[in-house]
């Protein structure tokens, strides 16, 4: 697991400078997530904050709040500090599976496009721990149908969390209305363009010991107008009482 985390840390640090060059997919997911967030929040944590786009928008929505962005990749945190200027936001390097915060510290914990790079059961437990009673956990993550076109064509693709597994893990810690799923389809002129996009956003990391990487080639995908599906799960849950 240590080697996997180090690979994730390095890959996302390397991609930090290019991460925002392909904002369309991430921004679409962030917009979906923001529609779920309502209420009065004074302390907000973003787990896997990347370059800080979601947190920056939340700072506009909640100007009186104190916001913290946490990411495993130092390069992402460095880029977030350069990009985001709001004085009520602080970015730190840290592990979503072992949050460096006290119990009951936040009103809202968010996570966008990052749970699938971590052991989500540990992240959910940590999110529940640092949330106040009745606090909100709002997330979006990729599901198992993501990049099915590549998988069906013989490419090795990462494993992504299953909806039922997510719901089981959430049920022990939170109450909510369930997980929503959406399929987002993108088109690329050729396979190289798709893999360029995946590299830019850092999506080339092993999730398990069997080395299933995004883009590990088995055979060549031919043709133009390449389609790529991204399955997105999202949900808003409240922490259960003690």
Protein backbone atom coordinates (compact mmCIF):
# COMPACT_ATOMS: atom_id res chain seq x y z
CA UNK A 1 0.00 0.00 0.00
CA UNK A 2 2.91 2.34 0.78
CA UNK A 3 4.29 1.97 -2.76
CA UNK A 4 0.84 2.62 -4.25
CA UNK A 5 0.47 5.83 -2.25
CA UNK A 6 3.91 6.99 -3.26
CA UNK A 7 3.09 6.39 -6.93
CA UNK A 8 -0.14 8.36 -6.57
CA UNK A 9 1.70 11.15 -4.75
CA UNK A 10 4.34 11.41 -7.48
CA UNK A 11 1.98 11.15 -10.45
CA UNK A 12 -0.37 13.83 -9.20
CA UNK A 13 2.48 16.09 -8.18
CA UNK A 14 3.88 15.80 -11.71
CA UNK A 15 0.50 16.59 -13.24
CA UNK A 16 -0.22 19.60 -11.00
CA UNK A 17 0.98 22.17 -13.54
CA UNK A 18 -1.17 20.71 -16.33
CA UNK A 19 -4.16 19.62 -14.25
CA UNK A 20 -6.26 22.68 -15.05
CA UNK A 21 -5.53 22.56 -18.78
CA UNK A 22 -8.40 20.07 -19.22
CA UNK A 23 -11.02 21.45 -16.80
CA UNK A 24 -14.20 20.35 -18.57
CA UNK A 25 -14.82 16.98 -16.90
CA UNK A 26 -13.76 18.06 -13.41
CA UNK A 27 -15.74 21.28 -13.61
CA UNK A 28 -18.83 19.36 -14.69
CA UNK A 29 -18.45 17.11 -11.66
CA UNK A 30 -17.82 20.07 -9.35
CA UNK A 31 -20.94 21.83 -10.62
CA UNK A 32 -22.95 18.68 -9.90
CA UNK A 33 -21.49 18.51 -6.40
CA UNK A 34 -22.13 22.17 -5.62
CA UNK A 35 -25.82 21.71 -6.38
CA UNK A 36 -25.97 19.22 -3.53
CA UNK A 37 -24.40 21.53 -0.96
CA UNK A 38 -26.74 23.75 1.03
CA UNK A 39 -26.82 24.87 4.63
CA UNK A 40 -24.79 27.07 6.94
CA UNK A 41 -21.21 25.84 7.25
CA UNK A 42 -18.44 27.53 9.23
CA UNK A 43 -15.61 24.99 8.90
CA UNK A 44 -15.15 23.10 5.64
CA UNK A 45 -12.63 20.41 4.63
CA UNK A 46 -11.89 19.24 1.08
CA UNK A 47 -10.24 15.79 0.99
CA UNK A 48 -8.19 15.35 -2.18
CA UNK A 49 -8.47 19.04 -3.05
CA UNK A 50 -6.23 19.00 -6.14
CA UNK A 51 -5.55 22.53 -7.33
CA UNK A 52 -8.32 23.95 -5.14
CA UNK A 53 -11.10 24.62 -7.66
CA UNK A 54 -13.95 23.22 -5.55
CA UNK A 55 -12.73 24.90 -2.37
CA UNK A 56 -12.33 28.22 -4.16
CA UNK A 57 -15.97 28.09 -5.25
CA UNK A 58 -17.10 27.10 -1.77
CA UNK A 59 -15.21 30.09 -0.35
CA UNK A 60 -17.33 32.35 -2.54
CA UNK A 61 -20.51 30.60 -1.40
CA UNK A 62 -19.44 30.68 2.27
CA UNK A 63 -17.26 33.81 2.68
CA UNK A 64 -17.40 33.67 6.50
CA UNK A 65 -16.26 30.04 6.68
CA UNK A 66 -12.79 28.67 7.40
CA UNK A 67 -11.80 26.24 4.63
CA UNK A 68 -8.99 23.70 4.48
CA UNK A 69 -7.88 21.76 1.41
CA UNK A 70 -5.90 18.55 1.91
CA UNK A 71 -4.10 16.56 -0.77
CA UNK A 72 -1.57 13.73 -0.73
CA UNK A 73 0.45 15.29 -3.57
CA UNK A 74 2.74 18.20 -2.56
CA UNK A 75 2.69 19.46 -6.15
CA UNK A 76 -1.09 19.85 -6.05
CA UNK A 77 -0.92 21.78 -2.78
CA UNK A 78 1.81 24.02 -4.16
CA UNK A 79 -0.25 24.75 -7.27
CA UNK A 80 -3.40 25.36 -5.20
CA UNK A 81 -1.54 27.94 -3.10
CA UNK A 82 -0.44 29.73 -6.27
CA UNK A 83 -3.87 29.58 -7.90
CA UNK A 84 -6.25 30.36 -5.01
CA UNK A 85 -6.03 33.75 -3.31
CA UNK A 86 -8.94 33.74 -0.84
CA UNK A 87 -7.64 34.49 2.65
CA UNK A 88 -10.08 32.11 4.36
CA UNK A 89 -8.58 29.05 2.59
CA UNK A 90 -5.56 27.04 3.74
CA UNK A 91 -3.99 24.12 1.84
CA UNK A 92 -1.96 21.34 3.45
CA UNK A 93 -0.32 18.08 2.43
CA UNK A 94 -1.98 15.11 4.09
CA UNK A 95 -3.49 11.64 3.76
CA UNK A 96 -7.27 11.34 3.44
CA UNK A 97 -7.06 7.94 5.13
CA UNK A 98 -5.44 9.51 8.23
CA UNK A 99 -6.76 13.05 8.59
CA UNK A 100 -4.59 15.27 10.83
CA UNK A 101 -7.55 16.84 12.63
CA UNK A 102 -9.39 16.46 15.92
CA UNK A 103 -12.77 14.79 16.29
CA UNK A 104 -15.87 16.90 15.57
CA UNK A 105 -13.91 19.70 13.91
CA UNK A 106 -15.86 20.37 10.68
CA UNK A 107 -19.41 21.16 9.61
CA UNK A 108 -18.85 20.02 6.02
CA UNK A 109 -16.42 17.56 4.42
CA UNK A 110 -16.30 17.34 0.63
CA UNK A 111 -14.41 15.16 -1.82
CA UNK A 112 -14.49 15.48 -5.60
CA UNK A 113 -12.92 12.97 -8.01
CA UNK A 114 -10.54 11.58 -5.42
CA UNK A 115 -12.16 8.80 -3.35
CA UNK A 116 -11.31 6.22 -6.02
CA UNK A 117 -7.57 6.86 -5.51
CA UNK A 118 -7.82 5.95 -1.81
CA UNK A 119 -9.18 3.23 0.45
CA UNK A 120 -12.63 4.78 0.55
CA UNK A 121 -13.68 2.85 3.66
CA UNK A 122 -10.89 4.54 5.63
CA UNK A 123 -11.68 7.95 4.14
CA UNK A 124 -15.36 7.65 5.06
CA UNK A 125 -14.48 6.64 8.62
CA UNK A 126 -12.12 9.61 8.92
CA UNK A 127 -14.68 12.00 7.44
CA UNK A 128 -17.24 10.84 10.02
CA UNK A 129 -14.70 11.23 12.81
CA UNK A 130 -13.79 14.85 12.01
CA UNK A 131 -17.38 15.91 11.30
CA UNK A 132 -19.58 17.34 14.00
CA UNK A 133 -22.77 15.48 14.86
CA UNK A 134 -25.19 16.10 11.98
CA UNK A 135 -22.37 17.47 9.81
CA UNK A 136 -22.49 16.88 6.05
CA UNK A 137 -20.30 14.70 3.88
CA UNK A 138 -20.69 15.44 0.17
CA UNK A 139 -18.76 13.55 -2.49
CA UNK A 140 -18.38 12.65 -6.14
CA UNK A 141 -16.29 9.74 -7.35
CA UNK A 142 -15.87 7.59 -10.46
CA UNK A 143 -17.77 4.30 -10.70
CA UNK A 144 -16.85 0.96 -12.33
CA UNK A 145 -18.29 1.80 -15.78
CA UNK A 146 -15.62 4.49 -16.18
CA UNK A 147 -13.54 3.95 -19.34
CA UNK A 148 -15.47 0.80 -20.23
CA UNK A 149 -14.63 1.38 -23.89
CA UNK A 150 -10.94 0.93 -23.14
CA UNK A 151 -11.57 -2.10 -20.97
CA UNK A 152 -13.71 -3.77 -23.63
CA UNK A 153 -11.04 -3.14 -26.24
CA UNK A 154 -8.46 -5.00 -24.19
CA UNK A 155 -6.78 -2.23 -22.22
CA UNK A 156 -6.06 -2.60 -18.52
CA UNK A 157 -8.07 -0.03 -16.55
CA UNK A 158 -8.21 0.85 -12.86
CA UNK A 159 -10.83 -0.68 -10.62
CA UNK A 160 -13.36 1.86 -9.32
CA UNK A 161 -15.68 1.61 -6.30
CA UNK A 162 -18.98 -0.18 -6.76
CA UNK A 163 -22.15 1.66 -5.76
CA UNK A 164 -23.28 -1.08 -3.36
CA UNK A 165 -19.89 -1.16 -1.63
CA UNK A 166 -20.00 2.62 -1.18
CA UNK A 167 -23.54 2.51 0.19
CA UNK A 168 -22.64 -0.25 2.67
CA UNK A 169 -19.66 1.73 3.94
CA UNK A 170 -21.70 4.92 4.21
CA UNK A 171 -24.63 3.24 6.00
CA UNK A 172 -22.61 2.50 9.11
CA UNK A 173 -21.55 6.10 9.56
CA UNK A 174 -24.03 8.41 7.84
CA UNK A 175 -27.66 8.86 6.90
CA UNK A 176 -28.69 10.13 3.48
CA UNK A 177 -30.89 9.80 0.43
CA UNK A 178 -28.62 7.40 -1.44
CA UNK A 179 -26.08 7.68 -4.22
CA UNK A 180 -26.93 9.12 -7.62
CA UNK A 181 -25.20 7.93 -10.76
CA UNK A 182 -24.55 9.71 -14.04
CA UNK A 183 -22.76 8.69 -17.23
CA UNK A 184 -20.70 11.45 -18.85
CA UNK A 185 -19.49 10.72 -22.38
CA UNK A 186 -16.52 12.48 -23.93
CA UNK A 187 -15.19 12.18 -27.48
CA UNK A 188 -11.58 12.41 -28.62
CA UNK A 189 -10.17 12.63 -32.14
CA UNK A 190 -7.88 9.67 -31.51
CA UNK A 191 -6.69 7.38 -28.75
CA UNK A 192 -3.56 9.48 -28.19
CA UNK A 193 -5.72 12.48 -27.30
CA UNK A 194 -7.60 10.46 -24.68
CA UNK A 195 -4.40 9.20 -23.11
CA UNK A 196 -2.94 12.69 -23.18
CA UNK A 197 -6.00 13.84 -21.21
CA UNK A 198 -5.60 11.02 -18.68
CA UNK A 199 -1.93 11.84 -18.22
CA UNK A 200 -2.64 15.56 -17.79
CA UNK A 201 -5.08 14.91 -14.95
CA UNK A 202 -2.74 12.41 -13.26
CA UNK A 203 -4.96 9.39 -13.89
CA UNK A 204 -2.24 6.80 -14.36
CA UNK A 205 -1.94 5.33 -10.89
CA UNK A 206 -2.20 1.75 -9.59
CA UNK A 207 -5.12 1.11 -7.27
CA UNK A 208 -4.26 -2.41 -6.32
CA UNK A 209 -1.37 -4.84 -6.15
CA UNK A 210 -2.24 -6.33 -9.54
CA UNK A 211 -1.00 -3.15 -11.26
CA UNK A 212 -4.17 -2.29 -13.14
CA UNK A 213 -3.24 1.11 -14.50
CA UNK A 214 -5.20 3.56 -16.58
CA UNK A 215 -3.65 3.21 -19.98
CA UNK A 216 -1.62 0.04 -19.55
CA UNK A 217 -1.72 -1.20 -23.13
CA UNK A 218 -2.71 -4.72 -24.11
CA UNK A 219 -3.49 -4.07 -27.77
CA UNK A 220 -3.96 -1.10 -30.05
CA UNK A 221 -7.25 0.75 -30.25
CA UNK A 222 -7.70 1.91 -33.82
CA UNK A 223 -9.87 4.56 -35.40
CA UNK A 224 -10.85 8.17 -34.84
CA UNK A 225 -13.60 9.80 -32.80
CA UNK A 226 -12.80 7.71 -29.72
CA UNK A 227 -15.55 7.61 -27.10
CA UNK A 228 -14.82 7.51 -23.36
CA UNK A 229 -17.47 7.06 -20.67
CA UNK A 230 -17.02 8.36 -17.14
CA UNK A 231 -19.46 7.03 -14.56
CA UNK A 232 -19.88 9.52 -11.73
CA UNK A 233 -21.41 8.69 -8.35
CA UNK A 234 -22.37 11.51 -6.01
CA UNK A 235 -24.14 11.86 -2.70
CA UNK A 236 -24.76 14.07 0.33
CA UNK A 237 -24.94 12.42 3.75
CA UNK A 238 -25.21 13.52 7.38
CA UNK A 239 -23.06 12.09 10.13
CA UNK A 240 -24.96 9.88 12.55
CA UNK A 241 -25.18 10.88 16.21
CA UNK A 242 -23.00 9.19 18.80
